[in-house]
């Protein structure tokens, strides 16, 4: 039966793709990709010749109904993002919701996502945690940080390199200078690193060594 597949793709190391992901991508009628140029390199590497169509945050509001109809008419469609699992801080939620509401089967494959290895590698408690994704850039940022001051679970944030120092400084300001944090960047890539310490210590480290690449920031909860 036709369905929507959500297919995780490697976040850096191409060897992290699963055999099942390759099979699904080869057998699908259509692949929806966040960036067709970026995903084209991945598909070429694994000799996947399935047709591709662009599906990103700027067009997904307009395309979901048509995609649902295609699946209802018998097409099997696979959704991939630039890296990691679709819908985790990437396009995918709107299409998944539309499929569920229309009674279309959705199948999310297990696979790569950045925050799980960052959490496990942090050394901070991982029995209970909350994924916050990216903090608001402007409006609502302070409110969100104030709410996190009362969070007892380990907190997971995504952050860009040019905003990391600001975020670490705000964590020290709102949550305390001695709050334990862990910064993992370039996960699975050649220059992967994880720096652990207090918010102030890690901020000081990156003031001397400006960060590069994709970043996951893990913050200890309130004791």
C-alpha atoms as a PDB file:
ATOM      1  CA  UNK A   1       0.000   0.000   0.000  1.00  0.00           C
ATOM      2  CA  UNK A   2       1.227   3.477  -0.843  1.00  0.00           C
ATOM      3  CA  UNK A   3       2.445   5.481   2.135  1.00  0.00           C
ATOM      4  CA  UNK A   4       4.678   8.299   3.283  1.00  0.00           C
ATOM      5  CA  UNK A   5       8.123   7.279   4.517  1.00  0.00           C
ATOM      6  CA  UNK A   6      10.150   9.633   6.730  1.00  0.00           C
ATOM      7  CA  UNK A   7      13.741   8.621   6.056  1.00  0.00           C
ATOM      8  CA  UNK A   8      16.658   9.774   8.242  1.00  0.00           C
ATOM      9  CA  UNK A   9      19.868  10.595   6.383  1.00  0.00           C
ATOM     10  CA  UNK A  10      23.439  10.868   7.727  1.00  0.00           C
ATOM     11  CA  UNK A  11      24.327  14.009   9.680  1.00  0.00           C
ATOM     12  CA  UNK A  12      27.938  13.797   8.511  1.00  0.00           C
ATOM     13  CA  UNK A  13      29.341  10.327   8.021  1.00  0.00           C
ATOM     14  CA  UNK A  14      27.707   8.650   5.015  1.00  0.00           C
ATOM     15  CA  UNK A  15      28.327   5.229   6.574  1.00  0.00           C
ATOM     16  CA  UNK A  16      25.602   6.007   9.126  1.00  0.00           C
ATOM     17  CA  UNK A  17      22.798   5.494   6.607  1.00  0.00           C
ATOM     18  CA  UNK A  18      20.851   2.272   7.142  1.00  0.00           C
ATOM     19  CA  UNK A  19      20.344  -0.527   4.643  1.00  0.00           C
ATOM     20  CA  UNK A  20      16.594  -0.085   5.001  1.00  0.00           C
ATOM     21  CA  UNK A  21      16.833   3.636   4.236  1.00  0.00           C
ATOM     22  CA  UNK A  22      18.673   2.899   0.994  1.00  0.00           C
ATOM     23  CA  UNK A  23      16.074   0.262   0.051  1.00  0.00           C
ATOM     24  CA  UNK A  24      13.138   2.601   0.721  1.00  0.00           C
ATOM     25  CA  UNK A  25      14.717   5.453  -1.227  1.00  0.00           C
ATOM     26  CA  UNK A  26      15.412   3.188  -4.197  1.00  0.00           C
ATOM     27  CA  UNK A  27      11.906   1.716  -4.244  1.00  0.00           C
ATOM     28  CA  UNK A  28       9.910   4.915  -3.643  1.00  0.00           C
ATOM     29  CA  UNK A  29       8.117   6.585  -6.546  1.00  0.00           C
ATOM     30  CA  UNK A  30       9.256  10.046  -5.446  1.00  0.00           C
ATOM     31  CA  UNK A  31      11.699  11.558  -2.953  1.00  0.00           C
ATOM     32  CA  UNK A  32      10.886  14.886  -1.318  1.00  0.00           C
ATOM     33  CA  UNK A  33      14.110  16.694  -0.414  1.00  0.00           C
ATOM     34  CA  UNK A  34      14.761  19.832   1.602  1.00  0.00           C
ATOM     35  CA  UNK A  35      17.559  20.782  -0.805  1.00  0.00           C
ATOM     36  CA  UNK A  36      17.675  18.763  -4.021  1.00  0.00           C
ATOM     37  CA  UNK A  37      21.257  19.799  -4.782  1.00  0.00           C
ATOM     38  CA  UNK A  38      22.507  18.651  -1.398  1.00  0.00           C
ATOM     39  CA  UNK A  39      20.461  15.446  -1.406  1.00  0.00           C
ATOM     40  CA  UNK A  40      21.461  14.747  -4.992  1.00  0.00           C
ATOM     41  CA  UNK A  41      25.016  14.096  -3.834  1.00  0.00           C
ATOM     42  CA  UNK A  42      23.757  11.569  -1.268  1.00  0.00           C
ATOM     43  CA  UNK A  43      21.564   9.772  -3.801  1.00  0.00           C
ATOM     44  CA  UNK A  44      24.346   9.660  -6.359  1.00  0.00           C
ATOM     45  CA  UNK A  45      26.743   8.164  -3.799  1.00  0.00           C
ATOM     46  CA  UNK A  46      24.335   5.296  -3.104  1.00  0.00           C
ATOM     47  CA  UNK A  47      23.275   4.939  -6.765  1.00  0.00           C
ATOM     48  CA  UNK A  48      19.684   5.937  -6.046  1.00  0.00           C
ATOM     49  CA  UNK A  49      17.917   7.122  -9.197  1.00  0.00           C
ATOM     50  CA  UNK A  50      14.459   7.888  -7.798  1.00  0.00           C
ATOM     51  CA  UNK A  51      12.975  11.218  -9.004  1.00  0.00           C
ATOM     52  CA  UNK A  52      13.314  14.103  -6.560  1.00  0.00           C
ATOM     53  CA  UNK A  53      11.138  17.099  -5.753  1.00  0.00           C
ATOM     54  CA  UNK A  54      11.896  20.110  -3.558  1.00  0.00           C
ATOM     55  CA  UNK A  55      10.055  20.220  -0.220  1.00  0.00           C
ATOM     56  CA  UNK A  56      11.179  22.865   2.282  1.00  0.00           C
ATOM     57  CA  UNK A  57       9.881  25.336   4.852  1.00  0.00           C
ATOM     58  CA  UNK A  58       9.142  27.959   2.200  1.00  0.00           C
ATOM     59  CA  UNK A  59       6.860  25.805   0.039  1.00  0.00           C
ATOM     60  CA  UNK A  60       5.511  23.011   2.281  1.00  0.00           C
ATOM     61  CA  UNK A  61       2.360  24.975   3.215  1.00  0.00           C
ATOM     62  CA  UNK A  62       1.394  25.044  -0.467  1.00  0.00           C
ATOM     63  CA  UNK A  63       2.373  21.505  -1.444  1.00  0.00           C
ATOM     64  CA  UNK A  64       1.112  19.186   1.305  1.00  0.00           C
ATOM     65  CA  UNK A  65      -2.397  18.721  -0.111  1.00  0.00           C
ATOM     66  CA  UNK A  66      -1.036  17.726  -3.518  1.00  0.00           C
ATOM     67  CA  UNK A  67       1.447  15.292  -1.967  1.00  0.00           C
ATOM     68  CA  UNK A  68      -1.291  13.649   0.111  1.00  0.00           C
ATOM     69  CA  UNK A  69      -3.384  13.226  -3.048  1.00  0.00           C
ATOM     70  CA  UNK A  70      -0.462  11.598  -4.849  1.00  0.00           C
ATOM     71  CA  UNK A  71      -0.109   9.033  -2.055  1.00  0.00           C
ATOM     72  CA  UNK A  72      -3.858   8.421  -2.048  1.00  0.00           C
ATOM     73  CA  UNK A  73      -3.602   7.782  -5.790  1.00  0.00           C
ATOM     74  CA  UNK A  74      -1.031   5.055  -5.236  1.00  0.00           C
ATOM     75  CA  UNK A  75       2.388   6.721  -5.032  1.00  0.00           C
ATOM     76  CA  UNK A  76       4.885   5.791  -2.338  1.00  0.00           C
ATOM     77  CA  UNK A  77       6.739   8.941  -1.307  1.00  0.00           C
ATOM     78  CA  UNK A  78       9.862   9.283   0.840  1.00  0.00           C
ATOM     79  CA  UNK A  79      10.726  12.498   2.679  1.00  0.00           C
ATOM     80  CA  UNK A  80      14.312  13.371   3.575  1.00  0.00           C
ATOM     81  CA  UNK A  81      15.913  16.468   5.068  1.00  0.00           C
ATOM     82  CA  UNK A  82      19.424  17.789   4.474  1.00  0.00           C
ATOM     83  CA  UNK A  83      20.649  15.721   7.408  1.00  0.00           C
ATOM     84  CA  UNK A  84      19.111  13.735  10.230  1.00  0.00           C
ATOM     85  CA  UNK A  85      15.481  12.819  10.812  1.00  0.00           C
ATOM     86  CA  UNK A  86      12.765  14.801   9.000  1.00  0.00           C
ATOM     87  CA  UNK A  87      10.530  17.002  11.184  1.00  0.00           C
ATOM     88  CA  UNK A  88      13.164  17.367  13.926  1.00  0.00           C
ATOM     89  CA  UNK A  89      13.919  21.099  13.482  1.00  0.00           C
ATOM     90  CA  UNK A  90      13.375  20.438   9.762  1.00  0.00           C
ATOM     91  CA  UNK A  91      10.369  20.229   7.395  1.00  0.00           C
ATOM     92  CA  UNK A  92       8.119  17.229   7.883  1.00  0.00           C
ATOM     93  CA  UNK A  93       5.562  17.984  10.579  1.00  0.00           C
ATOM     94  CA  UNK A  94       2.987  19.641   8.314  1.00  0.00           C
ATOM     95  CA  UNK A  95       3.080  16.801   5.798  1.00  0.00           C
ATOM     96  CA  UNK A  96       2.957  14.133   8.487  1.00  0.00           C
ATOM     97  CA  UNK A  97      -0.037  15.804  10.140  1.00  0.00           C
ATOM     98  CA  UNK A  98      -1.830  16.148   6.801  1.00  0.00           C
ATOM     99  CA  UNK A  99      -1.274  12.449   6.036  1.00  0.00           C
ATOM    100  CA  UNK A 100      -2.513  11.380   9.463  1.00  0.00           C
ATOM    101  CA  UNK A 101      -5.631  13.543   9.130  1.00  0.00           C
ATOM    102  CA  UNK A 102      -6.302  12.074   5.656  1.00  0.00           C
ATOM    103  CA  UNK A 103      -5.867   8.502   6.857  1.00  0.00           C
ATOM    104  CA  UNK A 104      -2.658   8.016   4.861  1.00  0.00           C
ATOM    105  CA  UNK A 105      -0.154   5.621   6.421  1.00  0.00           C
ATOM    106  CA  UNK A 106       3.082   7.168   7.706  1.00  0.00           C
ATOM    107  CA  UNK A 107       6.215   5.156   8.447  1.00  0.00           C
ATOM    108  CA  UNK A 108       9.204   6.837  10.109  1.00  0.00           C
ATOM    109  CA  UNK A 109      12.423   4.835   9.860  1.00  0.00           C
ATOM    110  CA  UNK A 110      14.862   4.860  12.788  1.00  0.00           C
ATOM    111  CA  UNK A 111      18.184   6.490  12.086  1.00  0.00           C
ATOM    112  CA  UNK A 112      20.462   9.474  12.446  1.00  0.00           C
ATOM    113  CA  UNK A 113      19.572  12.497  14.548  1.00  0.00           C
ATOM    114  CA  UNK A 114      22.070  14.851  16.147  1.00  0.00           C
ATOM    115  CA  UNK A 115      20.654  15.292  19.633  1.00  0.00           C
ATOM    116  CA  UNK A 116      20.714  11.637  20.748  1.00  0.00           C
ATOM    117  CA  UNK A 117      24.500  11.093  20.520  1.00  0.00           C
ATOM    118  CA  UNK A 118      25.082  14.579  21.948  1.00  0.00           C
ATOM    119  CA  UNK A 119      22.871  13.802  24.945  1.00  0.00           C
ATOM    120  CA  UNK A 120      24.390  10.379  25.601  1.00  0.00           C
ATOM    121  CA  UNK A 121      27.922  11.727  25.148  1.00  0.00           C
ATOM    122  CA  UNK A 122      27.357  14.715  27.448  1.00  0.00           C
ATOM    123  CA  UNK A 123      27.644  12.748  30.670  1.00  0.00           C
ATOM    124  CA  UNK A 124      24.535  14.555  31.952  1.00  0.00           C
ATOM    125  CA  UNK A 125      21.441  12.648  33.129  1.00  0.00           C
ATOM    126  CA  UNK A 126      19.568  11.195  30.154  1.00  0.00           C
ATOM    127  CA  UNK A 127      16.756   9.307  31.869  1.00  0.00           C
ATOM    128  CA  UNK A 128      14.576  12.409  31.538  1.00  0.00           C
ATOM    129  CA  UNK A 129      15.206  15.232  29.088  1.00  0.00           C
ATOM    130  CA  UNK A 130      13.432  17.944  27.091  1.00  0.00           C
ATOM    131  CA  UNK A 131      14.231  18.858  23.486  1.00  0.00           C
ATOM    132  CA  UNK A 132      13.871  22.615  22.921  1.00  0.00           C
ATOM    133  CA  UNK A 133      15.353  22.841  19.421  1.00  0.00           C
ATOM    134  CA  UNK A 134      16.420  26.396  18.543  1.00  0.00           C
ATOM    135  CA  UNK A 135      15.643  29.159  21.027  1.00  0.00           C
ATOM    136  CA  UNK A 136      13.632  32.082  19.611  1.00  0.00           C
ATOM    137  CA  UNK A 137      15.957  34.547  17.907  1.00  0.00           C
ATOM    138  CA  UNK A 138      14.319  37.684  19.340  1.00  0.00           C
ATOM    139  CA  UNK A 139      10.686  37.697  20.429  1.00  0.00           C
ATOM    140  CA  UNK A 140      10.073  35.243  23.231  1.00  0.00           C
ATOM    141  CA  UNK A 141      13.720  34.377  23.814  1.00  0.00           C
ATOM    142  CA  UNK A 142      13.932  35.870  27.315  1.00  0.00           C
ATOM    143  CA  UNK A 143      10.587  34.325  28.251  1.00  0.00           C
ATOM    144  CA  UNK A 144      11.770  30.910  27.127  1.00  0.00           C
ATOM    145  CA  UNK A 145      15.023  31.231  29.100  1.00  0.00           C
ATOM    146  CA  UNK A 146      13.076  32.260  32.196  1.00  0.00           C
ATOM    147  CA  UNK A 147      10.886  29.163  31.855  1.00  0.00           C
ATOM    148  CA  UNK A 148      13.976  26.972  31.532  1.00  0.00           C
ATOM    149  CA  UNK A 149      15.281  28.221  34.886  1.00  0.00           C
ATOM    150  CA  UNK A 150      12.684  25.926  36.519  1.00  0.00           C
ATOM    151  CA  UNK A 151      13.303  22.915  34.237  1.00  0.00           C
ATOM    152  CA  UNK A 152      14.626  19.936  36.217  1.00  0.00           C
ATOM    153  CA  UNK A 153      15.175  17.681  33.210  1.00  0.00           C
ATOM    154  CA  UNK A 154      18.276  17.834  31.030  1.00  0.00           C
ATOM    155  CA  UNK A 155      17.742  20.444  28.292  1.00  0.00           C
ATOM    156  CA  UNK A 156      18.756  19.952  24.661  1.00  0.00           C
ATOM    157  CA  UNK A 157      19.205  22.925  22.329  1.00  0.00           C
ATOM    158  CA  UNK A 158      20.300  23.322  18.728  1.00  0.00           C
ATOM    159  CA  UNK A 159      22.444  26.368  18.045  1.00  0.00           C
ATOM    160  CA  UNK A 160      24.347  28.004  15.209  1.00  0.00           C
ATOM    161  CA  UNK A 161      28.068  28.810  15.582  1.00  0.00           C
ATOM    162  CA  UNK A 162      27.636  32.585  15.500  1.00  0.00           C
ATOM    163  CA  UNK A 163      25.039  32.523  18.290  1.00  0.00           C
ATOM    164  CA  UNK A 164      26.662  29.982  20.603  1.00  0.00           C
ATOM    165  CA  UNK A 165      28.580  32.494  22.731  1.00  0.00           C
ATOM    166  CA  UNK A 166      25.461  34.612  23.236  1.00  0.00           C
ATOM    167  CA  UNK A 167      23.450  31.558  24.255  1.00  0.00           C
ATOM    168  CA  UNK A 168      26.124  30.340  26.682  1.00  0.00           C
ATOM    169  CA  UNK A 169      26.292  33.822  28.227  1.00  0.00           C
ATOM    170  CA  UNK A 170      22.514  33.846  28.650  1.00  0.00           C
ATOM    171  CA  UNK A 171      22.530  30.379  30.199  1.00  0.00           C
ATOM    172  CA  UNK A 172      25.099  31.633  32.707  1.00  0.00           C
ATOM    173  CA  UNK A 173      22.935  34.706  33.341  1.00  0.00           C
ATOM    174  CA  UNK A 174      19.555  32.977  33.684  1.00  0.00           C
ATOM    175  CA  UNK A 175      20.466  29.473  34.872  1.00  0.00           C
ATOM    176  CA  UNK A 176      23.691  30.217  36.726  1.00  0.00           C
ATOM    177  CA  UNK A 177      27.386  30.451  35.883  1.00  0.00           C
ATOM    178  CA  UNK A 178      28.032  27.044  37.427  1.00  0.00           C
ATOM    179  CA  UNK A 179      25.324  25.246  35.416  1.00  0.00           C
ATOM    180  CA  UNK A 180      26.888  22.210  33.730  1.00  0.00           C
ATOM    181  CA  UNK A 181      26.713  22.167  29.943  1.00  0.00           C
ATOM    182  CA  UNK A 182      28.062  20.092  27.076  1.00  0.00           C
ATOM    183  CA  UNK A 183      28.639  21.375  23.547  1.00  0.00           C
ATOM    184  CA  UNK A 184      28.899  18.795  20.759  1.00  0.00           C
ATOM    185  CA  UNK A 185      29.697  19.990  17.269  1.00  0.00           C
ATOM    186  CA  UNK A 186      30.392  18.416  13.893  1.00  0.00           C
ATOM    187  CA  UNK A 187      28.943  15.117  15.157  1.00  0.00           C
ATOM    188  CA  UNK A 188      30.175  12.094  13.124  1.00  0.00           C
ATOM    189  CA  UNK A 189      32.458  14.356  11.064  1.00  0.00           C
ATOM    190  CA  UNK A 190      36.253  14.614  10.921  1.00  0.00           C
ATOM    191  CA  UNK A 191      36.532  17.498  13.406  1.00  0.00           C
ATOM    192  CA  UNK A 192      33.905  16.264  15.867  1.00  0.00           C
ATOM    193  CA  UNK A 193      34.385  17.476  19.435  1.00  0.00           C
ATOM    194  CA  UNK A 194      32.513  17.647  22.729  1.00  0.00           C
ATOM    195  CA  UNK A 195      33.415  20.276  25.325  1.00  0.00           C
ATOM    196  CA  UNK A 196      32.011  19.893  28.837  1.00  0.00           C
ATOM    197  CA  UNK A 197      32.093  22.167  31.877  1.00  0.00           C
ATOM    198  CA  UNK A 198      30.190  25.029  33.466  1.00  0.00           C
ATOM    199  CA  UNK A 199      28.456  27.534  31.206  1.00  0.00           C
ATOM    200  CA  UNK A 200      31.181  30.071  31.982  1.00  0.00           C
ATOM    201  CA  UNK A 201      34.036  27.623  31.345  1.00  0.00           C
ATOM    202  CA  UNK A 202      32.641  26.494  27.995  1.00  0.00           C
ATOM    203  CA  UNK A 203      31.947  30.101  27.002  1.00  0.00           C
ATOM    204  CA  UNK A 204      35.561  30.976  27.790  1.00  0.00           C
ATOM    205  CA  UNK A 205      36.782  28.037  25.675  1.00  0.00           C
ATOM    206  CA  UNK A 206      34.843  29.158  22.613  1.00  0.00           C
ATOM    207  CA  UNK A 207      35.846  32.792  23.056  1.00  0.00           C
ATOM    208  CA  UNK A 208      39.401  31.601  22.417  1.00  0.00           C
ATOM    209  CA  UNK A 209      38.418  29.059  19.770  1.00  0.00           C
ATOM    210  CA  UNK A 210      35.456  30.301  17.693  1.00  0.00           C
ATOM    211  CA  UNK A 211      33.095  27.396  16.973  1.00  0.00           C
ATOM    212  CA  UNK A 212      32.290  26.049  13.524  1.00  0.00           C
ATOM    213  CA  UNK A 213      29.732  23.566  12.206  1.00  0.00           C
ATOM    214  CA  UNK A 214      26.438  22.221  13.497  1.00  0.00           C
ATOM    215  CA  UNK A 215      26.074  22.444  17.277  1.00  0.00           C
ATOM    216  CA  UNK A 216      24.047  20.639  19.946  1.00  0.00           C
ATOM    217  CA  UNK A 217      24.043  22.256  23.379  1.00  0.00           C
ATOM    218  CA  UNK A 218      23.076  20.050  26.329  1.00  0.00           C
ATOM    219  CA  UNK A 219      22.320  21.771  29.631  1.00  0.00           C
ATOM    220  CA  UNK A 220      21.890  20.194  33.065  1.00  0.00           C
ATOM    221  CA  UNK A 221      18.474  20.624  34.661  1.00  0.00           C
ATOM    222  CA  UNK A 222      17.810  22.478  37.882  1.00  0.00           C
ATOM    223  CA  UNK A 223      18.769  20.510  40.987  1.00  0.00           C
END
